[in-house]
Amino acid sequence: MEIKDILKHRRIELELTQLDVATAVGVSEATVSRWESGDIANMRRSRIAALARVLQISPSVIMGWNEDTSTQNTNSPSRPYEAGARDILDEIDIGFYQGFKELDEADKEVLRDMVRVMRERRTNKK
């Protein structure tokens, strides 16, 4: 089953309208419709996390990493390296970390710098 079909099937299974999902996720009803039709294949990380919560499925399903549409049992990680991290990291964080590991050192440093800048910005707003 394609991701677009999983999204629609799960929404209907939970007896939610596209407007219900849109409101909960913070997007327009048209955006949800486009996700379900496959017109929008790439979603922002924050949207994936919110959509996963609303549809009560793992973010890994939405990202196409896992076809199990049930919410994951955090006491039984699907990958052994997640055993200790599961309590503090969600699927998106783990996916981000996996991508980070694949970067060369120069790109890792650029990303670290970006995180530092974002933290400083957040601290300065307080």
Protein backbone atom coordinates (compact mmCIF):
# COMPACT_ATOMS: atom_id res chain seq x y z
CA MET A 1 0.00 0.00 0.00
CA GLU A 2 1.34 3.45 -0.91
CA ILE A 3 1.82 6.11 1.75
CA LYS A 4 -0.99 8.23 0.32
CA ASP A 5 -3.34 5.26 0.63
CA ILE A 6 -2.20 4.52 4.18
CA LEU A 7 -2.93 8.11 5.19
CA LYS A 8 -6.42 8.06 3.73
CA HIS A 9 -7.24 4.59 5.02
CA ARG A 10 -6.08 5.43 8.54
CA ARG A 11 -8.00 8.72 8.58
CA ILE A 12 -11.20 6.97 7.53
CA GLU A 13 -10.55 4.16 9.99
CA LEU A 14 -10.38 6.74 12.80
CA GLU A 15 -13.57 8.39 11.46
CA LEU A 16 -11.80 11.70 10.88
CA THR A 17 -12.55 14.15 8.11
CA GLN A 18 -9.85 15.83 6.09
CA LEU A 19 -10.80 19.03 7.91
CA ASP A 20 -10.30 17.29 11.29
CA VAL A 21 -6.82 16.21 10.27
CA ALA A 22 -5.98 19.59 8.73
CA THR A 23 -7.01 21.45 11.87
CA ALA A 24 -5.05 19.13 14.15
CA VAL A 25 -1.92 19.24 11.99
CA GLY A 26 -2.10 22.97 11.23
CA VAL A 27 -2.50 22.81 7.46
CA SER A 28 -5.35 23.45 5.04
CA GLU A 29 -7.91 20.83 4.12
CA ALA A 30 -6.57 21.06 0.56
CA THR A 31 -3.12 20.07 1.79
CA VAL A 32 -4.51 16.93 3.44
CA SER A 33 -6.36 16.14 0.22
CA ARG A 34 -3.13 16.54 -1.75
CA TRP A 35 -1.25 14.25 0.69
CA GLU A 36 -3.94 11.61 0.22
CA SER A 37 -3.88 11.93 -3.56
CA GLY A 38 -0.08 11.77 -3.70
CA ASP A 39 0.26 15.29 -5.12
CA ILE A 40 2.51 16.27 -2.19
CA ALA A 41 5.16 13.63 -1.57
CA ASN A 42 7.46 15.59 0.75
CA MET A 43 6.27 16.88 4.11
CA ARG A 44 7.99 19.01 6.71
CA ARG A 45 9.27 17.20 9.76
CA SER A 46 6.85 19.02 12.06
CA ARG A 47 3.94 18.03 9.82
CA ILE A 48 5.01 14.39 9.80
CA ALA A 49 5.18 14.31 13.59
CA ALA A 50 1.79 16.01 13.98
CA LEU A 51 0.15 13.83 11.34
CA ALA A 52 1.54 10.69 12.98
CA ARG A 53 0.05 11.76 16.32
CA VAL A 54 -3.35 12.51 14.77
CA LEU A 55 -3.45 9.25 12.81
CA GLN A 56 -1.97 7.31 15.72
CA ILE A 57 0.75 5.72 13.60
CA SER A 58 4.51 5.77 13.68
CA PRO A 59 6.19 8.61 11.77
CA SER A 60 8.26 5.90 10.09
CA VAL A 61 5.12 4.78 8.25
CA ILE A 62 4.58 8.28 6.84
CA MET A 63 8.24 8.46 5.83
CA GLY A 64 7.96 5.12 4.04
CA TRP A 65 10.41 3.29 6.30
CA ASN A 66 7.89 0.92 7.83
CA GLU A 67 4.59 -0.44 6.57
CA ASP A 68 3.25 -1.40 10.00
CA THR A 69 0.45 1.13 10.52
CA SER A 70 -0.03 0.33 14.18
CA THR A 71 1.56 2.61 16.71
CA GLN A 72 4.88 1.19 17.71
CA ASN A 73 5.42 -0.41 21.07
CA THR A 74 8.23 1.60 22.61
CA ASN A 75 9.19 -1.32 24.84
CA SER A 76 10.01 -3.44 21.81
CA PRO A 77 12.15 -1.45 19.38
CA SER A 78 12.17 -2.60 15.78
CA ARG A 79 15.93 -2.09 15.50
CA PRO A 80 18.38 -3.17 18.21
CA TYR A 81 20.34 0.11 18.22
CA GLU A 82 17.16 1.90 19.32
CA ALA A 83 16.85 -0.03 22.57
CA GLY A 84 18.25 2.68 24.84
CA ALA A 85 17.30 5.62 22.69
CA ARG A 86 13.63 4.78 22.28
CA ASP A 87 12.70 6.48 25.56
CA ILE A 88 14.16 9.83 24.53
CA LEU A 89 14.05 9.82 20.72
CA ASP A 90 11.11 9.44 18.38
CA GLU A 91 11.27 7.88 14.90
CA ILE A 92 11.99 11.19 13.21
CA ASP A 93 14.88 11.95 15.57
CA ILE A 94 16.32 8.52 14.89
CA GLY A 95 15.94 9.04 11.13
CA PHE A 96 17.63 12.43 11.43
CA TYR A 97 20.51 10.86 13.34
CA GLN A 98 20.89 8.14 10.72
CA GLY A 99 21.11 10.82 8.02
CA PHE A 100 23.59 12.79 10.12
CA LYS A 101 25.87 9.75 10.40
CA GLU A 102 26.03 9.55 6.60
CA LEU A 103 27.35 13.12 6.22
CA ASP A 104 31.03 13.88 5.82
CA GLU A 105 32.75 15.77 8.65
CA ALA A 106 32.51 19.16 6.93
CA ASP A 107 28.74 18.83 6.47
CA LYS A 108 28.35 17.61 10.06
CA GLU A 109 30.12 20.71 11.29
CA VAL A 110 27.86 22.95 9.19
CA LEU A 111 24.83 21.27 10.72
CA ARG A 112 26.27 21.62 14.23
CA ASP A 113 26.81 25.33 13.58
CA MET A 114 23.22 25.69 12.40
CA VAL A 115 21.96 24.07 15.60
CA ARG A 116 24.15 26.40 17.69
CA VAL A 117 22.70 29.44 15.90
CA MET A 118 19.13 28.20 16.43
CA ARG A 119 19.80 27.61 20.13
CA GLU A 120 21.29 31.08 20.51
CA ARG A 121 18.31 32.60 18.73
CA ARG A 122 15.90 30.78 21.02
CA THR A 123 17.88 31.81 24.11
CA ASN A 124 17.94 35.45 23.00
CA LYS A 125 14.14 35.48 22.55
CA LYS A 126 13.56 34.59 26.21
